[in-house]
Amino acid sequence: MSGWQFTQAAWGRALLTSLLWAGASLAYAQTAAPAETSGEFYRQPAAAEAATALPQQTAPTQGTTTPAQGEAPAQGETPAQDPGAIAVEKSRKLSRTFAAVPGKSYMLETRYGRVQINTWSRKEIRTDVEVLTRASTDEKAQQLQDMIQVQLQENDPATGGVSARSRFGLMPKECWSKRRIYEVNYTIWLPKNTPLKLQNTFGEISINGDLTGSTDLAVHYGQLRAGRLDGAQNAVRVSNGQATVAYARAATIDACYSRLRLSAGRTIELRNNYSDIDMGTVQDLTVHSKYGDVVLGTVHSLSGSSGFSKFSIDKLDNKLDMKVQYCPAFEVRNTGKNFRQINLDGGYSTFLLNFAADAGFYFDVNTDHGKLLVDKDMVKVASEESSEATSDMQGSFGVVQARNASNVNIKVRYGNVRFNR
């Protein structure tokens, strides 16, 4: 082969290689280049598009299906990427009315929703229920509807009265979601003297109107609001929630990891754990409290125990009998002139008692690793025994009445006692 022929062949191979590389580059460019943009990164599915439309302003009927409102996907997440996105809401309504028989109770057990109690003058009990379910498709929303059953009975075998119960079946796996996908809401009308037992979990109870029948009200992970509970027996239980009661004639209250406000009451028994308690005026109060601050208004008579918390009384009228442990501040801001008795037994606690300007009483204060702090001009010491760690002082404060004299007896370990006017 001549040199010219060799050169010509080499150039031919080079030309063929160049053409192949050019074709490959063009194909890669066509594959990698983005399509023309139209200002839309994704298109919503038909169901999701319907969810963004404004609903008609009509009340849903029984078994209605409506687009869900206000349930936007998580940030950076499209409906197609979030299979649990809420696009459909289904509603099912039930209503039953039964005769209200004097002395027969109304009982309700439910979860995941609101309970509203209304009183009226009719001699009947009406229960309205709405079951709401939300899902990404109509089929899943219906599956949730089928999972929830409501049982309404006129003569409950267990109570003998009217009852309502929410029953929840097994959650379909394909319906799982981080969102609130169902709720069961009750609205009840009944005579105010109907004995009432309500229990709601993950929801709220709201009582509009005063009740004269006995009540048993329980809320877990929710909120309770009630007016006057004038029945002879009332029970209030709240855990991991809040409760507000305007008045209770006689009540047993259990609070756990909650906040409770009672504006007024006559005879109250309180059991408190890890809750903050605020009460107004109470006639007779028994308290057993741990790990939660207690704030009281005016109390006629108070007894019980408290530990690991602050405890304050705005005014004590008559009697106080408490055992206190690990209370950094147990305070009575005002004491009625004619109070009868104060008995306090404390450990690792500080007592601060304020008395009226014209108050007079006998006292016996025993301290261990503590002391009585009082203006010497206010007291007359009858006897005093003290050592390096202990002290026992007896005497009188102010001018003591000859008859029906008041008494203050205090024992405290590792804490001080202070008397003020």
Protein backbone atom coordinates (compact mmCIF):
# COMPACT_ATOMS: atom_id res chain seq x y z
CA MET A 1 0.00 0.00 0.00
CA SER A 2 1.30 3.42 -1.00
CA GLY A 3 1.65 6.28 1.51
CA TRP A 4 -1.18 8.14 -0.20
CA GLN A 5 -3.51 5.20 0.08
CA PHE A 6 -2.64 4.77 3.81
CA THR A 7 -3.33 8.42 4.50
CA GLN A 8 -6.62 8.27 2.61
CA ALA A 9 -7.78 5.23 4.64
CA ALA A 10 -6.81 6.87 7.93
CA TRP A 11 -8.73 9.99 7.06
CA GLY A 12 -11.76 7.86 6.19
CA ARG A 13 -11.71 6.12 9.56
CA ALA A 14 -11.33 9.48 11.35
CA LEU A 15 -14.27 10.93 9.44
CA LEU A 16 -16.46 7.92 10.32
CA THR A 17 -15.54 8.20 14.03
CA SER A 18 -16.40 11.91 14.06
CA LEU A 19 -19.81 11.23 12.53
CA LEU A 20 -20.55 8.55 15.14
CA TRP A 21 -19.59 10.88 18.04
CA ALA A 22 -21.73 13.68 16.60
CA GLY A 23 -24.77 11.39 16.38
CA ALA A 24 -24.33 10.18 19.94
CA SER A 25 -23.97 13.74 21.25
CA LEU A 26 -27.14 14.79 19.44
CA ALA A 27 -29.09 11.85 20.90
CA TYR A 28 -27.84 12.63 24.44
CA ALA A 29 -28.75 16.30 24.04
CA GLN A 30 -32.27 15.38 22.91
CA THR A 31 -32.67 13.08 25.91
CA ALA A 32 -31.23 15.40 28.57
CA ALA A 33 -32.75 18.69 27.43
CA PRO A 34 -35.85 19.73 29.50
CA ALA A 35 -39.21 19.94 27.86
CA GLU A 36 -40.77 23.33 27.31
CA THR A 37 -42.13 24.72 30.58
CA SER A 38 -45.68 25.96 30.82
CA GLY A 39 -45.49 27.41 34.34
CA GLU A 40 -46.93 24.21 35.89
CA PHE A 41 -44.71 21.71 37.72
CA TYR A 42 -47.47 19.15 38.24
CA ARG A 43 -51.12 18.75 37.49
CA GLN A 44 -53.46 17.84 40.33
CA PRO A 45 -55.47 14.64 40.01
CA ALA A 46 -59.13 15.13 39.33
CA ALA A 47 -60.10 14.43 42.94
CA ALA A 48 -57.57 16.93 44.26
CA GLU A 49 -58.72 19.53 41.74
CA ALA A 50 -62.24 19.09 43.04
CA ALA A 51 -60.98 19.64 46.57
CA THR A 52 -59.71 23.10 45.68
CA ALA A 53 -63.06 24.22 44.30
CA LEU A 54 -65.39 26.22 46.52
CA PRO A 55 -68.23 24.05 47.86
CA GLN A 56 -71.83 25.00 47.44
CA GLN A 57 -73.31 26.70 50.49
CA THR A 58 -75.81 23.96 51.28
CA ALA A 59 -76.07 21.77 54.36
CA PRO A 60 -74.99 18.18 53.73
CA THR A 61 -77.70 15.55 53.90
CA GLN A 62 -77.41 12.10 55.37
CA GLY A 63 -74.60 10.18 53.70
CA THR A 64 -73.22 13.13 51.73
CA THR A 65 -69.80 13.34 50.12
CA THR A 66 -68.07 16.71 49.82
CA PRO A 67 -64.59 17.88 48.88
CA ALA A 68 -62.43 18.27 51.98
CA GLN A 69 -61.37 21.81 52.81
CA GLY A 70 -58.29 23.16 54.54
CA GLU A 71 -56.17 19.98 54.30
CA ALA A 72 -53.16 21.08 52.26
CA PRO A 73 -50.28 18.68 51.51
CA ALA A 74 -47.11 19.00 53.53
CA GLN A 75 -44.61 21.58 52.27
CA GLY A 76 -42.71 20.34 49.24
CA GLU A 77 -45.16 17.46 48.76
CA THR A 78 -47.65 17.13 45.93
CA PRO A 79 -50.92 15.20 46.19
CA ALA A 80 -49.46 12.54 43.93
CA GLN A 81 -46.54 12.10 46.33
CA ASP A 82 -48.80 11.99 49.41
CA PRO A 83 -51.17 9.03 49.16
CA GLY A 84 -52.85 10.11 52.41
CA ALA A 85 -53.79 13.60 51.16
CA ILE A 86 -57.33 14.57 52.15
CA ALA A 87 -59.48 15.13 49.08
CA VAL A 88 -62.89 13.75 50.06
CA GLU A 89 -65.07 14.22 53.14
CA LYS A 90 -68.10 12.05 53.81
CA SER A 91 -70.80 12.82 56.35
CA ARG A 92 -73.34 10.50 57.93
CA LYS A 93 -76.04 11.80 60.27
CA LEU A 94 -78.24 10.00 62.75
CA SER A 95 -80.96 11.29 65.07
CA ARG A 96 -83.06 9.49 67.67
CA THR A 97 -85.54 10.80 70.23
CA PHE A 98 -86.66 8.83 73.29
CA ALA A 99 -88.98 9.61 76.17
CA ALA A 100 -87.29 11.03 79.28
CA VAL A 101 -88.32 8.86 82.22
CA PRO A 102 -87.77 10.48 85.65
CA GLY A 103 -84.84 8.89 87.46
CA LYS A 104 -83.48 7.11 84.37
CA SER A 105 -80.05 8.20 83.19
CA TYR A 106 -78.43 9.16 79.91
CA MET A 107 -75.04 7.57 79.23
CA LEU A 108 -72.59 8.35 76.41
CA GLU A 109 -69.22 6.79 75.62
CA THR A 110 -67.32 8.14 72.64
CA ARG A 111 -63.96 9.19 71.21
CA TYR A 112 -62.53 11.55 68.62
CA GLY A 113 -65.12 14.29 68.53
CA ARG A 114 -67.26 16.88 70.28
CA VAL A 115 -70.08 16.35 72.76
CA GLN A 116 -72.52 19.20 73.36
CA ILE A 117 -75.23 18.95 76.02
CA ASN A 118 -78.24 21.29 75.90
CA THR A 119 -81.07 21.41 78.42
CA TRP A 120 -84.71 21.97 77.51
CA SER A 121 -88.20 21.72 79.04
CA ARG A 122 -89.44 18.82 76.90
CA LYS A 123 -89.88 15.41 78.52
CA GLU A 124 -87.72 13.68 75.95
CA ILE A 125 -84.09 13.07 75.08
CA ARG A 126 -82.84 13.76 71.59
CA THR A 127 -79.46 12.62 70.29
CA ASP A 128 -78.03 13.95 67.02
CA VAL A 129 -74.86 12.33 65.71
CA GLU A 130 -72.64 13.27 62.78
CA VAL A 131 -69.88 10.93 61.62
CA LEU A 132 -67.27 12.67 59.47
CA THR A 133 -64.58 10.79 57.54
CA ARG A 134 -61.84 12.19 55.34
CA ALA A 135 -59.62 10.39 52.85
CA SER A 136 -57.85 10.69 49.52
CA THR A 137 -60.63 8.86 47.66
CA ASP A 138 -64.35 8.34 48.03
CA GLU A 139 -63.79 4.61 48.47
CA LYS A 140 -61.44 5.09 51.43
CA ALA A 141 -63.74 7.64 53.03
CA GLN A 142 -66.55 5.08 52.80
CA GLN A 143 -64.31 2.41 54.34
CA LEU A 144 -63.84 4.69 57.33
CA GLN A 145 -67.59 5.25 57.53
CA ASP A 146 -68.12 1.50 57.61
CA MET A 147 -65.50 1.21 60.39
CA ILE A 148 -67.47 3.53 62.72
CA GLN A 149 -70.77 2.45 64.21
CA VAL A 150 -73.07 4.35 66.57
CA GLN A 151 -75.26 2.42 69.00
CA LEU A 152 -78.34 4.21 70.39
CA GLN A 153 -80.51 2.40 72.94
CA GLU A 154 -83.67 3.46 74.72
CA ASN A 155 -83.35 0.84 77.48
CA ASP A 156 -79.71 -0.01 77.99
CA PRO A 157 -79.35 -3.37 79.80
CA ALA A 158 -76.44 -2.05 81.86
CA THR A 159 -77.92 1.28 82.96
CA GLY A 160 -81.66 0.91 82.44
CA GLY A 161 -81.76 4.28 80.72
CA VAL A 162 -80.94 5.84 77.36
CA SER A 163 -77.42 5.24 76.07
CA ALA A 164 -75.20 6.11 73.12
CA ARG A 165 -71.88 4.51 72.22
CA SER A 166 -69.36 5.02 69.46
CA ARG A 167 -67.84 1.77 68.20
CA PHE A 168 -64.65 1.70 66.15
CA GLY A 169 -63.59 -1.28 64.07
CA LEU A 170 -60.16 -2.10 62.71
CA MET A 171 -58.59 0.74 60.75
CA PRO A 172 -58.11 -0.26 57.07
CA LYS A 173 -54.38 -0.20 56.41
CA GLU A 174 -54.78 1.71 53.17
CA CYS A 175 -56.55 4.50 55.09
CA TRP A 176 -53.77 5.23 57.57
CA SER A 177 -52.84 8.90 57.68
CA LYS A 178 -51.09 11.42 59.90
CA ARG A 179 -54.05 13.73 59.51
CA ARG A 180 -57.33 13.77 61.42
CA ILE A 181 -59.35 11.51 59.19
CA TYR A 182 -62.52 10.96 61.21
CA GLU A 183 -64.58 12.39 64.05
CA VAL A 184 -67.87 11.58 65.75
CA ASN A 185 -69.80 14.60 67.02
CA TYR A 186 -72.81 14.44 69.36
CA THR A 187 -75.43 17.05 70.18
CA ILE A 188 -77.88 16.07 72.93
CA TRP A 189 -81.01 17.77 74.29
CA LEU A 190 -82.38 16.55 77.62
CA PRO A 191 -84.21 17.72 80.77
CA LYS A 192 -81.86 19.29 83.29
CA ASN A 193 -82.72 16.76 86.00
CA THR A 194 -81.61 13.76 83.92
CA PRO A 195 -78.80 11.78 85.59
CA LEU A 196 -75.89 12.09 83.19
CA LYS A 197 -72.79 9.99 82.55
CA LEU A 198 -70.41 11.14 79.81
CA GLN A 199 -67.00 9.89 78.75
CA ASN A 200 -65.06 11.36 75.85
CA THR A 201 -61.48 10.63 74.80
CA PHE A 202 -59.57 12.84 72.36
CA GLY A 203 -62.42 15.33 72.27
CA GLU A 204 -64.38 17.85 74.29
CA ILE A 205 -67.53 18.02 76.38
CA SER A 206 -69.51 21.27 76.53
CA ILE A 207 -72.56 21.59 78.78
CA ASN A 208 -74.86 24.52 78.06
CA GLY A 209 -77.26 25.15 80.92
CA ASP A 210 -77.48 24.10 84.55
CA LEU A 211 -77.91 20.47 85.59
CA THR A 212 -79.84 19.34 88.67
CA GLY A 213 -79.42 15.60 88.22
CA SER A 214 -76.33 13.67 89.29
CA THR A 215 -73.42 13.71 86.84
CA ASP A 216 -70.34 11.65 86.02
CA LEU A 217 -68.17 13.55 83.54
CA ALA A 218 -64.87 12.20 82.21
CA VAL A 219 -62.55 13.71 79.61
CA HIS A 220 -59.22 12.22 78.55
CA TYR A 221 -56.98 14.22 76.21
CA GLY A 222 -59.58 16.91 75.77
CA GLN A 223 -61.54 19.74 77.36
CA LEU A 224 -64.57 19.97 79.64
CA ARG A 225 -66.74 23.07 80.09
CA ALA A 226 -69.73 22.99 82.41
CA GLY A 227 -72.06 25.48 84.10
CA ARG A 228 -73.76 24.72 87.41
CA LEU A 229 -73.77 21.14 88.65
CA ASP A 230 -76.55 21.33 91.24
CA GLY A 231 -77.09 17.60 91.61
CA ALA A 232 -76.59 15.85 94.94
CA GLN A 233 -73.69 13.80 93.51
CA ASN A 234 -71.22 14.83 90.84
CA ALA A 235 -67.97 13.30 89.62
CA VAL A 236 -65.50 15.08 87.36
CA ARG A 237 -62.47 13.30 85.92
CA VAL A 238 -59.97 14.95 83.63
CA SER A 239 -56.62 13.61 82.47
CA ASN A 240 -54.21 15.23 80.03
CA GLY A 241 -56.69 18.00 79.44
CA GLN A 242 -58.52 21.01 80.84
CA ALA A 243 -61.72 21.44 82.82
CA THR A 244 -63.74 24.54 83.69
CA VAL A 245 -66.78 24.24 85.98
CA ALA A 246 -68.81 27.23 87.16
CA TYR A 247 -70.30 25.62 90.27
CA ALA A 248 -70.58 22.21 91.90
CA ARG A 249 -72.91 21.58 94.80
CA ALA A 250 -71.17 18.34 95.80
CA ALA A 251 -68.42 16.83 93.70
CA THR A 252 -65.52 14.44 93.61
CA ILE A 253 -62.85 15.74 91.25
CA ASP A 254 -59.92 13.76 89.86
CA ALA A 255 -57.30 15.67 87.89
CA CYS A 256 -54.18 14.15 86.35
CA TYR A 257 -51.71 16.01 84.14
CA SER A 258 -54.32 18.70 83.60
CA ARG A 259 -55.53 22.20 84.42
CA LEU A 260 -58.75 22.61 86.39
CA ARG A 261 -60.79 25.68 87.29
CA LEU A 262 -63.77 25.54 89.67
CA SER A 263 -65.34 28.93 90.28
CA ALA A 264 -67.41 27.90 93.31
CA GLY A 265 -68.56 24.83 95.21
CA ARG A 266 -70.16 23.62 98.41
CA THR A 267 -68.67 20.22 99.29
CA ILE A 268 -65.69 19.22 97.17
CA GLU A 269 -63.21 16.37 97.31
CA LEU A 270 -60.16 16.85 95.09
CA ARG A 271 -57.58 14.26 94.10
CA ASN A 272 -54.80 15.83 92.10
CA ASN A 273 -51.68 14.48 90.41
CA TYR A 274 -49.39 16.64 88.28
CA SER A 275 -52.13 19.22 87.70
CA ASP A 276 -52.58 22.93 88.33
CA ILE A 277 -55.72 23.67 90.32
CA ASP A 278 -57.54 27.00 90.60
CA MET A 279 -60.65 27.26 92.78
CA GLY A 280 -62.75 30.21 93.84
CA THR A 281 -65.09 30.05 96.84
CA VAL A 282 -65.61 26.61 98.39
CA GLN A 283 -67.48 25.81 101.58
CA ASP A 284 -65.88 22.49 102.56
CA LEU A 285 -62.86 21.19 100.65
CA THR A 286 -60.85 18.01 101.02
CA VAL A 287 -57.62 17.91 99.02
CA HIS A 288 -55.09 15.20 98.27
CA SER A 289 -52.59 16.73 95.88
CA LYS A 290 -49.13 15.89 94.53
CA TYR A 291 -46.93 17.53 91.93
CA GLY A 292 -49.16 20.41 90.98
CA ASP A 293 -49.74 23.95 92.23
CA VAL A 294 -53.00 24.64 94.06
CA VAL A 295 -54.54 28.12 94.24
CA LEU A 296 -57.68 28.57 96.34
CA GLY A 297 -59.92 31.57 96.91
CA THR A 298 -62.11 31.68 100.02
CA VAL A 299 -62.43 28.38 101.88
CA HIS A 300 -64.56 27.83 104.96
CA SER A 301 -63.05 24.48 105.92
CA LEU A 302 -60.02 22.74 104.36
CA SER A 303 -58.41 19.38 105.10
CA GLY A 304 -56.16 16.87 103.36
CA SER A 305 -52.58 16.64 102.13
CA SER A 306 -50.25 18.19 99.60
CA GLY A 307 -46.79 17.39 98.37
CA PHE A 308 -44.13 18.60 95.95
CA SER A 309 -46.01 21.77 95.03
CA LYS A 310 -46.97 25.30 96.02
CA PHE A 311 -50.23 25.80 97.89
CA SER A 312 -52.00 29.11 98.49
CA ILE A 313 -55.29 30.11 100.14
CA ASP A 314 -56.60 33.63 99.68
CA LYS A 315 -58.85 33.47 102.76
CA LEU A 316 -59.53 30.84 105.42
CA ASP A 317 -62.78 31.31 107.33
CA ASN A 318 -62.94 28.50 109.86
CA LYS A 319 -60.77 25.36 109.89
CA LEU A 320 -57.54 24.11 108.33
CA ASP A 321 -56.08 20.63 108.81
CA MET A 322 -53.30 19.67 106.36
CA LYS A 323 -50.25 17.44 106.05
CA VAL A 324 -47.67 18.94 103.73
CA GLN A 325 -44.42 17.57 102.30
CA TYR A 326 -41.85 19.32 100.12
CA CYS A 327 -43.91 22.47 99.77
CA PRO A 328 -41.68 25.52 99.23
CA ALA A 329 -44.57 27.88 100.02
CA PHE A 330 -47.78 27.04 101.87
CA GLU A 331 -49.51 30.38 102.32
CA VAL A 332 -52.73 31.60 103.90
CA ARG A 333 -53.04 35.24 102.81
CA ASN A 334 -55.99 36.12 105.04
CA THR A 335 -57.52 34.42 108.06
CA GLY A 336 -60.99 35.21 109.31
CA LYS A 337 -61.13 36.90 112.69
CA ASN A 338 -63.20 34.09 114.17
CA PHE A 339 -61.43 31.08 112.66
CA ARG A 340 -61.60 28.02 114.91
CA GLN A 341 -58.61 25.75 114.28
CA ILE A 342 -55.42 25.46 112.24
CA ASN A 343 -53.47 22.19 112.29
CA LEU A 344 -50.43 21.85 110.05
CA ASP A 345 -47.91 19.02 109.85
CA GLY A 346 -45.07 19.57 107.40
CA GLY A 347 -41.75 18.34 106.22
CA TYR A 348 -39.28 20.26 104.06
CA SER A 349 -41.90 22.99 103.82
CA THR A 350 -42.44 26.65 104.66
CA PHE A 351 -45.66 27.95 106.25
CA LEU A 352 -46.74 31.57 105.95
CA LEU A 353 -49.90 32.56 107.86
CA ASN A 354 -51.44 36.03 107.81
CA PHE A 355 -53.97 37.01 110.47
CA ALA A 356 -56.43 39.86 110.88
CA ALA A 357 -55.29 42.90 112.85
CA ASP A 358 -57.62 42.05 115.74
CA ALA A 359 -57.12 38.27 115.62
CA GLY A 360 -56.27 36.42 118.82
CA PHE A 361 -55.43 32.74 119.33
CA TYR A 362 -53.35 30.23 121.23
CA PHE A 363 -50.49 28.56 119.40
CA ASP A 364 -48.16 25.58 119.77
CA VAL A 365 -45.34 25.50 117.21
CA ASN A 366 -42.81 22.69 117.10
CA THR A 367 -39.89 22.94 114.65
CA ASP A 368 -37.07 20.55 113.81
CA HIS A 369 -34.26 22.22 111.86
CA GLY A 370 -36.44 25.30 111.51
CA LYS A 371 -37.85 28.24 113.46
CA LEU A 372 -40.93 30.33 114.20
CA LEU A 373 -40.61 33.79 112.71
CA VAL A 374 -42.91 36.31 114.42
CA ASP A 375 -42.78 39.82 115.83
CA LYS A 376 -42.19 39.33 119.56
CA ASP A 377 -44.49 42.24 120.32
CA MET A 378 -47.42 40.29 118.84
CA VAL A 379 -47.08 37.24 121.07
CA LYS A 380 -46.88 36.20 124.67
CA VAL A 381 -44.70 33.14 125.19
CA ALA A 382 -46.03 30.79 127.85
CA SER A 383 -43.30 28.18 127.48
CA GLU A 384 -40.36 27.53 125.19
CA GLU A 385 -38.00 24.60 124.86
CA SER A 386 -35.20 24.71 122.35
CA SER A 387 -31.98 22.99 121.41
CA GLU A 388 -29.51 23.37 118.59
CA ALA A 389 -31.90 21.73 116.10
CA THR A 390 -35.37 21.80 117.67
CA SER A 391 -37.76 24.29 119.18
CA ASP A 392 -41.16 24.03 120.86
CA MET A 393 -42.95 27.29 121.63
CA GLN A 394 -46.37 27.74 123.21
CA GLY A 395 -48.18 30.99 123.80
CA SER A 396 -50.80 33.41 122.56
CA PHE A 397 -51.04 35.77 119.61
CA GLY A 398 -52.95 39.02 120.11
CA VAL A 399 -55.86 39.23 122.53
CA VAL A 400 -57.47 35.82 123.01
CA GLN A 401 -61.19 35.56 123.70
CA ALA A 402 -62.12 33.92 126.97
CA ARG A 403 -64.67 31.66 125.27
CA ASN A 404 -64.33 29.75 121.99
CA ALA A 405 -60.67 30.59 121.67
CA SER A 406 -58.95 29.84 118.37
CA ASN A 407 -55.96 27.50 118.19
CA VAL A 408 -52.97 27.07 115.88
CA ASN A 409 -50.90 23.87 116.12
CA ILE A 410 -47.95 23.41 113.77
CA LYS A 411 -45.23 20.79 113.47
CA VAL A 412 -42.59 21.19 110.79
CA ARG A 413 -39.33 19.46 109.98
CA TYR A 414 -36.73 21.24 107.89
CA GLY A 415 -38.81 24.35 107.41
CA ASN A 416 -39.90 27.64 108.94
CA VAL A 417 -43.19 29.07 110.19
CA ARG A 418 -44.08 32.76 109.89
CA PHE A 419 -46.96 34.64 111.55
CA ASN A 420 -47.94 38.03 110.08
CA ARG A 421 -50.71 40.57 110.49
